[in-house]
Amino acid sequence: MLEDLEFADNIALLSSRLNDLHEKTGRLTEEAARVGLKLNARKCKTLRREYASNRERIAVNGEKVQDFGEFPYLRATVDKEDEGSRDIKNRLQKARGASQRLGKVWAARGIGRGTKIRKG
């Protein structure tokens, strides 16, 4: 089961239970603080499915996070209907395919390490 999506400074915490989301948010805040980072509640967003009965809001550093009906995440629109899952699943599938194809390059003995790790 997909738990979290991470890309550079964008992280999506996924949960079907509010308590789990509170726990994940707390752990993320603690881990960020350990390396000198602080989450900005005004840049955080929550999205609830229509059937979510609990309307309690998530807090980051004591500040309530705003609940949205949709928002962009990695150039995909995440919304309450399908959560952007079609677009995100398609992108993940493409990334997995590219990664698997690169596995053959990394395993190839005829390609030098300098070529495999070329910068720029």
PDB file of N, CA and C in Angstrom:
ATOM      1  N   MET A   1       0.831  -1.171   0.000  1.00  0.00           N
ATOM      2  CA  MET A   1       0.000   0.000   0.000  1.00  0.00           C
ATOM      3  C   MET A   1       0.882   1.242   0.000  1.00  0.00           C
ATOM      4  N   LEU A   2       0.535   2.218  -0.820  1.00  0.00           N
ATOM      5  CA  LEU A   2       1.272   3.462  -0.894  1.00  0.00           C
ATOM      6  C   LEU A   2       1.008   4.282   0.350  1.00  0.00           C
ATOM      7  N   GLU A   3       2.052   4.627   1.088  1.00  0.00           N
ATOM      8  CA  GLU A   3       1.902   5.371   2.337  1.00  0.00           C
ATOM      9  C   GLU A   3       2.159   6.853   2.154  1.00  0.00           C
ATOM     10  N   ASP A   4       3.255   7.220   1.489  1.00  0.00           N
ATOM     11  CA  ASP A   4       3.640   8.614   1.352  1.00  0.00           C
ATOM     12  C   ASP A   4       4.254   8.832  -0.021  1.00  0.00           C
ATOM     13  N   LEU A   5       4.138  10.052  -0.519  1.00  0.00           N
ATOM     14  CA  LEU A   5       4.785  10.444  -1.760  1.00  0.00           C
ATOM     15  C   LEU A   5       5.780  11.543  -1.428  1.00  0.00           C
ATOM     16  N   GLU A   6       7.017  11.390  -1.900  1.00  0.00           N
ATOM     17  CA  GLU A   6       8.031  12.385  -1.609  1.00  0.00           C
ATOM     18  C   GLU A   6       8.717  12.808  -2.886  1.00  0.00           C
ATOM     19  N   PHE A   7       8.939  14.096  -3.039  1.00  0.00           N
ATOM     20  CA  PHE A   7       9.666  14.624  -4.176  1.00  0.00           C
ATOM     21  C   PHE A   7      10.257  15.966  -3.774  1.00  0.00           C
ATOM     22  N   ALA A   8      11.576  16.035  -3.709  1.00  0.00           N
ATOM     23  CA  ALA A   8      12.280  17.263  -3.315  1.00  0.00           C
ATOM     24  C   ALA A   8      11.676  17.811  -2.033  1.00  0.00           C
ATOM     25  N   ASP A   9      11.096  18.995  -2.075  1.00  0.00           N
ATOM     26  CA  ASP A   9      10.532  19.576  -0.854  1.00  0.00           C
ATOM     27  C   ASP A   9       9.020  19.424  -0.793  1.00  0.00           C
ATOM     28  N   ASN A  10       8.474  18.507  -1.586  1.00  0.00           N
ATOM     29  CA  ASN A  10       7.037  18.225  -1.559  1.00  0.00           C
ATOM     30  C   ASN A  10       6.817  16.835  -0.977  1.00  0.00           C
ATOM     31  N   ILE A  11       5.996  16.765   0.037  1.00  0.00           N
ATOM     32  CA  ILE A  11       5.690  15.478   0.655  1.00  0.00           C
ATOM     33  C   ILE A  11       4.183  15.386   0.816  1.00  0.00           C
ATOM     34  N   ALA A  12       3.616  14.273   0.395  1.00  0.00           N
ATOM     35  CA  ALA A  12       2.189  14.026   0.604  1.00  0.00           C
ATOM     36  C   ALA A  12       2.064  12.897   1.615  1.00  0.00           C
ATOM     37  N   LEU A  13       1.440  13.169   2.736  1.00  0.00           N
ATOM     38  CA  LEU A  13       1.190  12.152   3.748  1.00  0.00           C
ATOM     39  C   LEU A  13      -0.212  11.607   3.497  1.00  0.00           C
ATOM     40  N   LEU A  14      -0.309  10.330   3.261  1.00  0.00           N
ATOM     41  CA  LEU A  14      -1.584   9.706   2.937  1.00  0.00           C
ATOM     42  C   LEU A  14      -2.049   8.855   4.100  1.00  0.00           C
ATOM     43  N   SER A  15      -3.327   8.954   4.418  1.00  0.00           N
ATOM     44  CA  SER A  15      -3.848   8.150   5.506  1.00  0.00           C
ATOM     45  C   SER A  15      -5.358   8.039   5.388  1.00  0.00           C
ATOM     46  N   SER A  16      -5.873   6.914   5.790  1.00  0.00           N
ATOM     47  CA  SER A  16      -7.327   6.737   5.797  1.00  0.00           C
ATOM     48  C   SER A  16      -7.914   7.023   7.176  1.00  0.00           C
ATOM     49  N   ARG A  17      -7.034   7.227   8.168  1.00  0.00           N
ATOM     50  CA  ARG A  17      -7.511   7.528   9.532  1.00  0.00           C
ATOM     51  C   ARG A  17      -6.872   8.820  10.024  1.00  0.00           C
ATOM     52  N   LEU A  18      -7.671   9.655  10.655  1.00  0.00           N
ATOM     53  CA  LEU A  18      -7.195  10.945  11.149  1.00  0.00           C
ATOM     54  C   LEU A  18      -6.083  10.781  12.178  1.00  0.00           C
ATOM     55  N   ASN A  19      -6.217   9.819  13.074  1.00  0.00           N
ATOM     56  CA  ASN A  19      -5.177   9.601  14.088  1.00  0.00           C
ATOM     57  C   ASN A  19      -3.831   9.284  13.451  1.00  0.00           C
ATOM     58  N   ASP A  20      -3.847   8.465  12.393  1.00  0.00           N
ATOM     59  CA  ASP A  20      -2.600   8.140  11.696  1.00  0.00           C
ATOM     60  C   ASP A  20      -1.997   9.384  11.057  1.00  0.00           C
ATOM     61  N   LEU A  21      -2.847  10.244  10.521  1.00  0.00           N
ATOM     62  CA  LEU A  21      -2.360  11.466   9.898  1.00  0.00           C
ATOM     63  C   LEU A  21      -1.755  12.406  10.935  1.00  0.00           C
ATOM     64  N   HIS A  22      -2.384  12.496  12.108  1.00  0.00           N
ATOM     65  CA  HIS A  22      -1.808  13.294  13.200  1.00  0.00           C
ATOM     66  C   HIS A  22      -0.429  12.746  13.574  1.00  0.00           C
ATOM     67  N   GLU A  23      -0.317  11.432  13.681  1.00  0.00           N
ATOM     68  CA  GLU A  23       0.950  10.801  14.057  1.00  0.00           C
ATOM     69  C   GLU A  23       2.019  11.054  13.000  1.00  0.00           C
ATOM     70  N   LYS A  24       1.670  10.887  11.726  1.00  0.00           N
ATOM     71  CA  LYS A  24       2.632  11.109  10.643  1.00  0.00           C
ATOM     72  C   LYS A  24       3.088  12.566  10.608  1.00  0.00           C
ATOM     73  N   THR A  25       2.150  13.475  10.779  1.00  0.00           N
ATOM     74  CA  THR A  25       2.488  14.901  10.769  1.00  0.00           C
ATOM     75  C   THR A  25       3.420  15.230  11.930  1.00  0.00           C
ATOM     76  N   GLY A  26       3.145  14.676  13.094  1.00  0.00           N
ATOM     77  CA  GLY A  26       4.011  14.891  14.254  1.00  0.00           C
ATOM     78  C   GLY A  26       5.410  14.352  14.030  1.00  0.00           C
ATOM     79  N   ARG A  27       5.506  13.139  13.477  1.00  0.00           N
ATOM     80  CA  ARG A  27       6.821  12.543  13.207  1.00  0.00           C
ATOM     81  C   ARG A  27       7.591  13.365  12.181  1.00  0.00           C
ATOM     82  N   LEU A  28       6.879  13.830  11.130  1.00  0.00           N
ATOM     83  CA  LEU A  28       7.534  14.644  10.108  1.00  0.00           C
ATOM     84  C   LEU A  28       8.057  15.944  10.711  1.00  0.00           C
ATOM     85  N   THR A  29       7.258  16.590  11.541  1.00  0.00           N
ATOM     86  CA  THR A  29       7.666  17.829  12.195  1.00  0.00           C
ATOM     87  C   THR A  29       8.898  17.601  13.066  1.00  0.00           C
ATOM     88  N   GLU A  30       8.909  16.502  13.823  1.00  0.00           N
ATOM     89  CA  GLU A  30      10.046  16.176  14.688  1.00  0.00           C
ATOM     90  C   GLU A  30      11.310  15.898  13.878  1.00  0.00           C
ATOM     91  N   GLU A  31      11.185  15.103  12.826  1.00  0.00           N
ATOM     92  CA  GLU A  31      12.353  14.764  12.005  1.00  0.00           C
ATOM     93  C   GLU A  31      12.894  15.993  11.287  1.00  0.00           C
ATOM     94  N   ALA A  32      12.007  16.853  10.830  1.00  0.00           N
ATOM     95  CA  ALA A  32      12.449  18.089  10.175  1.00  0.00           C
ATOM     96  C   ALA A  32      13.219  18.950  11.168  1.00  0.00           C
ATOM     97  N   ALA A  33      12.714  19.057  12.392  1.00  0.00           N
ATOM     98  CA  ALA A  33      13.374  19.868  13.422  1.00  0.00           C
ATOM     99  C   ALA A  33      14.762  19.323  13.746  1.00  0.00           C
ATOM    100  N   ARG A  34      14.916  18.004  13.700  1.00  0.00           N
ATOM    101  CA  ARG A  34      16.223  17.399  13.999  1.00  0.00           C
ATOM    102  C   ARG A  34      17.318  17.860  13.050  1.00  0.00           C
ATOM    103  N   VAL A  35      16.939  18.224  11.816  1.00  0.00           N
ATOM    104  CA  VAL A  35      17.930  18.684  10.839  1.00  0.00           C
ATOM    105  C   VAL A  35      17.823  20.188  10.593  1.00  0.00           C
ATOM    106  N   GLY A  36      17.132  20.881  11.506  1.00  0.00           N
ATOM    107  CA  GLY A  36      17.062  22.332  11.431  1.00  0.00           C
ATOM    108  C   GLY A  36      15.998  22.890  10.509  1.00  0.00           C
ATOM    109  N   LEU A  37      15.012  22.083  10.128  1.00  0.00           N
ATOM    110  CA  LEU A  37      13.939  22.547   9.253  1.00  0.00           C
ATOM    111  C   LEU A  37      12.655  22.735  10.042  1.00  0.00           C
ATOM    112  N   LYS A  38      11.791  23.588   9.532  1.00  0.00           N
ATOM    113  CA  LYS A  38      10.506  23.831  10.182  1.00  0.00           C
ATOM    114  C   LYS A  38       9.413  23.847   9.119  1.00  0.00           C
ATOM    115  N   LEU A  39       8.345  23.100   9.357  1.00  0.00           N
ATOM    116  CA  LEU A  39       7.229  23.086   8.419  1.00  0.00           C
ATOM    117  C   LEU A  39       6.457  24.396   8.527  1.00  0.00           C
ATOM    118  N   ASN A  40       6.023  24.908   7.400  1.00  0.00           N
ATOM    119  CA  ASN A  40       5.243  26.132   7.341  1.00  0.00           C
ATOM    120  C   ASN A  40       3.779  25.746   7.154  1.00  0.00           C
ATOM    121  N   ALA A  41       2.958  25.944   8.165  1.00  0.00           N
ATOM    122  CA  ALA A  41       1.551  25.542   8.114  1.00  0.00           C
ATOM    123  C   ALA A  41       0.805  26.229   6.977  1.00  0.00           C
ATOM    124  N   ARG A  42       1.209  27.450   6.628  1.00  0.00           N
ATOM    125  CA  ARG A  42       0.523  28.170   5.548  1.00  0.00           C
ATOM    126  C   ARG A  42       0.812  27.566   4.188  1.00  0.00           C
ATOM    127  N   LYS A  43       1.888  26.777   4.074  1.00  0.00           N
ATOM    128  CA  LYS A  43       2.199  26.108   2.813  1.00  0.00           C
ATOM    129  C   LYS A  43       1.701  24.662   2.807  1.00  0.00           C
ATOM    130  N   CYS A  44       1.195  24.196   3.930  1.00  0.00           N
ATOM    131  CA  CYS A  44       0.655  22.843   4.033  1.00  0.00           C
ATOM    132  C   CYS A  44      -0.817  22.852   3.631  1.00  0.00           C
ATOM    133  N   LYS A  45      -1.282  21.727   3.095  1.00  0.00           N
ATOM    134  CA  LYS A  45      -2.677  21.616   2.680  1.00  0.00           C
ATOM    135  C   LYS A  45      -3.211  20.245   3.068  1.00  0.00           C
ATOM    136  N   THR A  46      -4.492  20.193   3.375  1.00  0.00           N
ATOM    137  CA  THR A  46      -5.134  18.899   3.587  1.00  0.00           C
ATOM    138  C   THR A  46      -6.286  18.778   2.609  1.00  0.00           C
ATOM    139  N   LEU A  47      -6.577  17.551   2.257  1.00  0.00           N
ATOM    140  CA  LEU A  47      -7.693  17.243   1.379  1.00  0.00           C
ATOM    141  C   LEU A  47      -8.389  16.027   1.962  1.00  0.00           C
ATOM    142  N   ARG A  48      -9.674  16.148   2.191  1.00  0.00           N
ATOM    143  CA  ARG A  48     -10.446  15.039   2.756  1.00  0.00           C
ATOM    144  C   ARG A  48     -11.417  14.520   1.718  1.00  0.00           C
ATOM    145  N   ARG A  49     -11.589  13.229   1.737  1.00  0.00           N
ATOM    146  CA  ARG A  49     -12.611  12.640   0.875  1.00  0.00           C
ATOM    147  C   ARG A  49     -13.976  13.092   1.358  1.00  0.00           C
ATOM    148  N   GLU A  50     -14.938  13.107   0.506  1.00  0.00           N
ATOM    149  CA  GLU A  50     -16.280  13.573   0.848  1.00  0.00           C
ATOM    150  C   GLU A  50     -16.898  12.775   1.996  1.00  0.00           C
ATOM    151  N   TYR A  51     -16.540  11.499   2.101  1.00  0.00           N
ATOM    152  CA  TYR A  51     -17.158  10.662   3.130  1.00  0.00           C
ATOM    153  C   TYR A  51     -16.481  10.794   4.492  1.00  0.00           C
ATOM    154  N   ALA A  52     -15.433  11.595   4.598  1.00  0.00           N
ATOM    155  CA  ALA A  52     -14.750  11.758   5.882  1.00  0.00           C
ATOM    156  C   ALA A  52     -15.686  12.442   6.866  1.00  0.00           C
ATOM    157  N   SER A  53     -15.951  11.777   7.982  1.00  0.00           N
ATOM    158  CA  SER A  53     -16.909  12.315   8.947  1.00  0.00           C
ATOM    159  C   SER A  53     -16.268  13.276   9.943  1.00  0.00           C
ATOM    160  N   ASN A  54     -15.000  13.093  10.233  1.00  0.00           N
ATOM    161  CA  ASN A  54     -14.330  13.933  11.214  1.00  0.00           C
ATOM    162  C   ASN A  54     -13.810  15.195  10.535  1.00  0.00           C
ATOM    163  N   ARG A  55     -14.235  16.345  10.980  1.00  0.00           N
ATOM    164  CA  ARG A  55     -13.839  17.620  10.369  1.00  0.00           C
ATOM    165  C   ARG A  55     -12.714  18.304  11.147  1.00  0.00           C
ATOM    166  N   GLU A  56     -12.122  17.611  12.126  1.00  0.00           N
ATOM    167  CA  GLU A  56     -11.010  18.171  12.891  1.00  0.00           C
ATOM    168  C   GLU A  56      -9.862  18.501  11.940  1.00  0.00           C
ATOM    169  N   ARG A  57      -9.245  19.654  12.142  1.00  0.00           N
ATOM    170  CA  ARG A  57      -8.164  20.083  11.260  1.00  0.00           C
ATOM    171  C   ARG A  57      -6.806  19.669  11.823  1.00  0.00           C
ATOM    172  N   ILE A  58      -5.888  19.398  10.932  1.00  0.00           N
ATOM    173  CA  ILE A  58      -4.517  19.042  11.291  1.00  0.00           C
ATOM    174  C   ILE A  58      -3.772  20.320  11.669  1.00  0.00           C
ATOM    175  N   ALA A  59      -2.913  20.239  12.670  1.00  0.00           N
ATOM    176  CA  ALA A  59      -2.101  21.381  13.084  1.00  0.00           C
ATOM    177  C   ALA A  59      -0.630  21.092  12.826  1.00  0.00           C
ATOM    178  N   VAL A  60       0.082  22.109  12.368  1.00  0.00           N
ATOM    179  CA  VAL A  60       1.527  22.038  12.174  1.00  0.00           C
ATOM    180  C   VAL A  60       2.136  23.165  12.991  1.00  0.00           C
ATOM    181  N   ASN A  61       2.988  22.806  13.938  1.00  0.00           N
ATOM    182  CA  ASN A  61       3.611  23.784  14.834  1.00  0.00           C
ATOM    183  C   ASN A  61       2.558  24.661  15.514  1.00  0.00           C
ATOM    184  N   GLY A  62       1.462  24.053  15.921  1.00  0.00           N
ATOM    185  CA  GLY A  62       0.407  24.758  16.648  1.00  0.00           C
ATOM    186  C   GLY A  62      -0.538  25.569  15.777  1.00  0.00           C
ATOM    187  N   GLU A  63      -0.304  25.608  14.477  1.00  0.00           N
ATOM    188  CA  GLU A  63      -1.145  26.382  13.556  1.00  0.00           C
ATOM    189  C   GLU A  63      -1.978  25.427  12.708  1.00  0.00           C
ATOM    190  N   LYS A  64      -3.281  25.695  12.594  1.00  0.00           N
ATOM    191  CA  LYS A  64      -4.183  24.832  11.832  1.00  0.00           C
ATOM    192  C   LYS A  64      -3.877  24.917  10.338  1.00  0.00           C
ATOM    193  N   VAL A  65      -3.922  23.762   9.679  1.00  0.00           N
ATOM    194  CA  VAL A  65      -3.690  23.670   8.242  1.00  0.00           C
ATOM    195  C   VAL A  65      -5.030  23.802   7.528  1.00  0.00           C
ATOM    196  N   GLN A  66      -5.052  24.583   6.463  1.00  0.00           N
ATOM    197  CA  GLN A  66      -6.291  24.814   5.719  1.00  0.00           C
ATOM    198  C   GLN A  66      -6.667  23.587   4.895  1.00  0.00           C
ATOM    199  N   ASP A  67      -7.964  23.283   4.860  1.00  0.00           N
ATOM    200  CA  ASP A  67      -8.501  22.163   4.092  1.00  0.00           C
ATOM    201  C   ASP A  67      -8.916  22.677   2.713  1.00  0.00           C
ATOM    202  N   PHE A  68      -8.493  21.994   1.651  1.00  0.00           N
ATOM    203  CA  PHE A  68      -8.789  22.389   0.284  1.00  0.00           C
ATOM    204  C   PHE A  68      -9.613  21.323  -0.427  1.00  0.00           C
ATOM    205  N   GLY A  69     -10.318  21.735  -1.471  1.00  0.00           N
ATOM    206  CA  GLY A  69     -11.067  20.799  -2.309  1.00  0.00           C
ATOM    207  C   GLY A  69     -10.189  20.194  -3.389  1.00  0.00           C
ATOM    208  N   GLU A  70      -9.167  20.949  -3.803  1.00  0.00           N
ATOM    209  CA  GLU A  70      -8.185  20.462  -4.766  1.00  0.00           C
ATOM    210  C   GLU A  70      -6.941  21.333  -4.665  1.00  0.00           C
ATOM    211  N   PHE A  71      -5.805  20.775  -5.082  1.00  0.00           N
ATOM    212  CA  PHE A  71      -4.565  21.549  -5.128  1.00  0.00           C
ATOM    213  C   PHE A  71      -3.583  20.850  -6.055  1.00  0.00           C
ATOM    214  N   PRO A  72      -2.627  21.611  -6.593  1.00  0.00           N
ATOM    215  CA  PRO A  72      -1.630  20.993  -7.470  1.00  0.00           C
ATOM    216  C   PRO A  72      -0.544  20.306  -6.650  1.00  0.00           C
ATOM    217  N   TYR A  73      -0.124  19.141  -7.096  1.00  0.00           N
ATOM    218  CA  TYR A  73       0.981  18.418  -6.482  1.00  0.00           C
ATOM    219  C   TYR A  73       1.788  17.807  -7.607  1.00  0.00           C
ATOM    220  N   LEU A  74       3.025  18.237  -7.753  1.00  0.00           N
ATOM    221  CA  LEU A  74       3.908  17.758  -8.817  1.00  0.00           C
ATOM    222  C   LEU A  74       3.243  17.891 -10.191  1.00  0.00           C
ATOM    223  N   ARG A  75       2.652  19.044 -10.437  1.00  0.00           N
ATOM    224  CA  ARG A  75       1.987  19.384 -11.698  1.00  0.00           C
ATOM    225  C   ARG A  75       0.764  18.534 -11.991  1.00  0.00           C
ATOM    226  N   ALA A  76       0.256  17.868 -11.003  1.00  0.00           N
ATOM    227  CA  ALA A  76      -0.996  17.115 -11.138  1.00  0.00           C
ATOM    228  C   ALA A  76      -2.009  17.753 -10.203  1.00  0.00           C
ATOM    229  N   THR A  77      -3.265  17.756 -10.607  1.00  0.00           N
ATOM    230  CA  THR A  77      -4.304  18.289  -9.745  1.00  0.00           C
ATOM    231  C   THR A  77      -4.851  17.162  -8.893  1.00  0.00           C
ATOM    232  N   VAL A  78      -4.722  17.321  -7.603  1.00  0.00           N
ATOM    233  CA  VAL A  78      -5.230  16.344  -6.648  1.00  0.00           C
ATOM    234  C   VAL A  78      -6.570  16.886  -6.168  1.00  0.00           C
ATOM    235  N   ASP A  79      -7.613  16.066  -6.258  1.00  0.00           N
ATOM    236  CA  ASP A  79      -8.936  16.541  -5.847  1.00  0.00           C
ATOM    237  C   ASP A  79      -9.671  15.477  -5.059  1.00  0.00           C
ATOM    238  N   LYS A  80     -10.851  15.830  -4.577  1.00  0.00           N
ATOM    239  CA  LYS A  80     -11.633  14.922  -3.734  1.00  0.00           C
ATOM    240  C   LYS A  80     -12.226  13.763  -4.518  1.00  0.00           C
ATOM    241  N   GLU A  81     -12.405  13.939  -5.815  1.00  0.00           N
ATOM    242  CA  GLU A  81     -13.053  12.890  -6.617  1.00  0.00           C
ATOM    243  C   GLU A  81     -12.164  11.665  -6.753  1.00  0.00           C
ATOM    244  N   ASP A  82     -11.054  11.807  -7.478  1.00  0.00           N
ATOM    245  CA  ASP A  82     -10.154  10.652  -7.637  1.00  0.00           C
ATOM    246  C   ASP A  82      -8.789  10.933  -7.042  1.00  0.00           C
ATOM    247  N   GLU A  83      -8.675  12.061  -6.319  1.00  0.00           N
ATOM    248  CA  GLU A  83      -7.448  12.465  -5.635  1.00  0.00           C
ATOM    249  C   GLU A  83      -6.282  12.641  -6.598  1.00  0.00           C
ATOM    250  N   GLY A  84      -6.570  12.796  -7.899  1.00  0.00           N
ATOM    251  CA  GLY A  84      -5.499  12.930  -8.867  1.00  0.00           C
ATOM    252  C   GLY A  84      -4.745  11.632  -9.045  1.00  0.00           C
ATOM    253  N   SER A  85      -5.317  10.561  -8.513  1.00  0.00           N
ATOM    254  CA  SER A  85      -4.591   9.290  -8.493  1.00  0.00           C
ATOM    255  C   SER A  85      -4.295   8.773  -9.892  1.00  0.00           C
ATOM    256  N   ARG A  86      -5.176   9.029 -10.844  1.00  0.00           N
ATOM    257  CA  ARG A  86      -4.928   8.561 -12.204  1.00  0.00           C
ATOM    258  C   ARG A  86      -3.649   9.189 -12.742  1.00  0.00           C
ATOM    259  N   ASP A  87      -3.531  10.504 -12.600  1.00  0.00           N
ATOM    260  CA  ASP A  87      -2.366  11.229 -13.093  1.00  0.00           C
ATOM    261  C   ASP A  87      -1.111  10.815 -12.336  1.00  0.00           C
ATOM    262  N   ILE A  88      -1.195  10.737 -11.025  1.00  0.00           N
ATOM    263  CA  ILE A  88      -0.038  10.374 -10.209  1.00  0.00           C
ATOM    264  C   ILE A  88       0.370   8.924 -10.467  1.00  0.00           C
ATOM    265  N   LYS A  89      -0.594   8.010 -10.561  1.00  0.00           N
ATOM    266  CA  LYS A  89      -0.266   6.603 -10.842  1.00  0.00           C
ATOM    267  C   LYS A  89       0.417   6.469 -12.198  1.00  0.00           C
ATOM    268  N   ASN A  90      -0.042   7.245 -13.177  1.00  0.00           N
ATOM    269  CA  ASN A  90       0.578   7.218 -14.498  1.00  0.00           C
ATOM    270  C   ASN A  90       2.028   7.686 -14.414  1.00  0.00           C
ATOM    271  N   ARG A  91       2.279   8.756 -13.670  1.00  0.00           N
ATOM    272  CA  ARG A  91       3.644   9.268 -13.526  1.00  0.00           C
ATOM    273  C   ARG A  91       4.534   8.274 -12.777  1.00  0.00           C
ATOM    274  N   LEU A  92       3.999   7.660 -11.733  1.00  0.00           N
ATOM    275  CA  LEU A  92       4.776   6.667 -10.990  1.00  0.00           C
ATOM    276  C   LEU A  92       5.112   5.472 -11.876  1.00  0.00           C
ATOM    277  N   GLN A  93       4.163   5.047 -12.698  1.00  0.00           N
ATOM    278  CA  GLN A  93       4.396   3.924 -13.611  1.00  0.00           C
ATOM    279  C   GLN A  93       5.520   4.264 -14.596  1.00  0.00           C
ATOM    280  N   LYS A  94       5.507   5.484 -15.129  1.00  0.00           N
ATOM    281  CA  LYS A  94       6.561   5.903 -16.055  1.00  0.00           C
ATOM    282  C   LYS A  94       7.915   5.936 -15.354  1.00  0.00           C
ATOM    283  N   ALA A  95       7.943   6.440 -14.118  1.00  0.00           N
ATOM    284  CA  ALA A  95       9.193   6.496 -13.363  1.00  0.00           C
ATOM    285  C   ALA A  95       9.721   5.095 -13.070  1.00  0.00           C
ATOM    286  N   ARG A  96       8.814   4.175 -12.712  1.00  0.00           N
ATOM    287  CA  ARG A  96       9.243   2.788 -12.452  1.00  0.00           C
ATOM    288  C   ARG A  96       9.832   2.164 -13.711  1.00  0.00           C
ATOM    289  N   GLY A  97       9.175   2.413 -14.855  1.00  0.00           N
ATOM    290  CA  GLY A  97       9.672   1.872 -16.119  1.00  0.00           C
ATOM    291  C   GLY A  97      11.043   2.415 -16.457  1.00  0.00           C
ATOM    292  N   ALA A  98      11.226   3.725 -16.278  1.00  0.00           N
ATOM    293  CA  ALA A  98      12.531   4.339 -16.555  1.00  0.00           C
ATOM    294  C   ALA A  98      13.590   3.770 -15.614  1.00  0.00           C
ATOM    295  N   SER A  99      13.236   3.594 -14.356  1.00  0.00           N
ATOM    296  CA  SER A  99      14.172   3.047 -13.375  1.00  0.00           C
ATOM    297  C   SER A  99      14.562   1.618 -13.743  1.00  0.00           C
ATOM    298  N   GLN A 100      13.594   0.820 -14.167  1.00  0.00           N
ATOM    299  CA  GLN A 100      13.890  -0.562 -14.547  1.00  0.00           C
ATOM    300  C   GLN A 100      14.791  -0.601 -15.781  1.00  0.00           C
ATOM    301  N   ARG A 101      14.553   0.289 -16.742  1.00  0.00           N
ATOM    302  CA  ARG A 101      15.409   0.333 -17.927  1.00  0.00           C
ATOM    303  C   ARG A 101      16.826   0.753 -17.555  1.00  0.00           C
ATOM    304  N   LEU A 102      16.961   1.664 -16.595  1.00  0.00           N
ATOM    305  CA  LEU A 102      18.288   2.079 -16.155  1.00  0.00           C
ATOM    306  C   LEU A 102      19.011   0.954 -15.422  1.00  0.00           C
ATOM    307  N   GLY A 103      18.263   0.059 -14.817  1.00  0.00           N
ATOM    308  CA  GLY A 103      18.880  -1.079 -14.134  1.00  0.00           C
ATOM    309  C   GLY A 103      19.755  -1.887 -15.081  1.00  0.00           C
ATOM    310  N   LYS A 104      19.319  -2.014 -16.329  1.00  0.00           N
ATOM    311  CA  LYS A 104      20.114  -2.740 -17.327  1.00  0.00           C
ATOM    312  C   LYS A 104      21.412  -1.994 -17.629  1.00  0.00           C
ATOM    313  N   VAL A 105      21.342  -0.666 -17.653  1.00  0.00           N
ATOM    314  CA  VAL A 105      22.545   0.134 -17.903  1.00  0.00           C
ATOM    315  C   VAL A 105      23.524  -0.028 -16.747  1.00  0.00           C
ATOM    316  N   TRP A 106      23.024   0.061 -15.506  1.00  0.00           N
ATOM    317  CA  TRP A 106      23.901  -0.077 -14.345  1.00  0.00           C
ATOM    318  C   TRP A 106      24.556  -1.447 -14.297  1.00  0.00           C
ATOM    319  N   ALA A 107      23.854  -2.472 -14.749  1.00  0.00           N
ATOM    320  CA  ALA A 107      24.395  -3.833 -14.706  1.00  0.00           C
ATOM    321  C   ALA A 107      25.354  -4.118 -15.865  1.00  0.00           C
ATOM    322  N   ALA A 108      25.299  -3.322 -16.921  1.00  0.00           N
ATOM    323  CA  ALA A 108      26.131  -3.569 -18.104  1.00  0.00           C
ATOM    324  C   ALA A 108      27.606  -3.359 -17.775  1.00  0.00           C
ATOM    325  N   ARG A 109      28.402  -4.389 -18.040  1.00  0.00           N
ATOM    326  CA  ARG A 109      29.837  -4.295 -17.755  1.00  0.00           C
ATOM    327  C   ARG A 109      30.571  -3.527 -18.850  1.00  0.00           C
ATOM    328  N   GLY A 110      29.976  -3.425 -20.030  1.00  0.00           N
ATOM    329  CA  GLY A 110      30.628  -2.737 -21.150  1.00  0.00           C
ATOM    330  C   GLY A 110      30.532  -1.222 -21.078  1.00  0.00           C
ATOM    331  N   ILE A 111      29.762  -0.705 -20.148  1.00  0.00           N
ATOM    332  CA  ILE A 111      29.627   0.751 -19.993  1.00  0.00           C
ATOM    333  C   ILE A 111      30.402   1.155 -18.749  1.00  0.00           C
ATOM    334  N   GLY A 112      31.349   2.058 -18.935  1.00  0.00           N
ATOM    335  CA  GLY A 112      32.206   2.481 -17.829  1.00  0.00           C
ATOM    336  C   GLY A 112      31.450   3.273 -16.771  1.00  0.00           C
ATOM    337  N   ARG A 113      31.966   3.212 -15.563  1.00  0.00           N
ATOM    338  CA  ARG A 113      31.343   3.929 -14.443  1.00  0.00           C
ATOM    339  C   ARG A 113      31.302   5.432 -14.703  1.00  0.00           C
ATOM    340  N   GLY A 114      32.331   5.980 -15.344  1.00  0.00           N
ATOM    341  CA  GLY A 114      32.363   7.409 -15.673  1.00  0.00           C
ATOM    342  C   GLY A 114      31.192   7.829 -16.534  1.00  0.00           C
ATOM    343  N   THR A 115      30.797   6.974 -17.458  1.00  0.00           N
ATOM    344  CA  THR A 115      29.645   7.258 -18.323  1.00  0.00           C
ATOM    345  C   THR A 115      28.349   7.150 -17.517  1.00  0.00           C
ATOM    346  N   LYS A 116      28.274   6.166 -16.654  1.00  0.00           N
ATOM    347  CA  LYS A 116      27.053   5.954 -15.863  1.00  0.00           C
ATOM    348  C   LYS A 116      26.812   7.093 -14.881  1.00  0.00           C
ATOM    349  N   ILE A 117      27.861   7.721 -14.389  1.00  0.00           N
ATOM    350  CA  ILE A 117      27.737   8.733 -13.348  1.00  0.00           C
ATOM    351  C   ILE A 117      28.009  10.136 -13.916  1.00  0.00           C
ATOM    352  N   ARG A 118      27.995  10.277 -15.186  1.00  0.00           N
ATOM    353  CA  ARG A 118      28.299  11.558 -15.814  1.00  0.00           C
ATOM    354  C   ARG A 118      27.452  12.677 -15.231  1.00  0.00           C
ATOM    355  N   LYS A 119      28.075  13.770 -14.841  1.00  0.00           N
ATOM    356  CA  LYS A 119      27.361  14.915 -14.243  1.00  0.00           C
ATOM    357  C   LYS A 119      27.106  15.965 -15.311  1.00  0.00           C
ATOM    358  N   GLY A 120      25.994  16.679 -15.092  1.00  0.00           N
ATOM    359  CA  GLY A 120      25.718  17.840 -15.935  1.00  0.00           C
ATOM    360  C   GLY A 120      24.867  17.478 -17.047  1.00  0.00           C
TER     361      GLY A 120
END
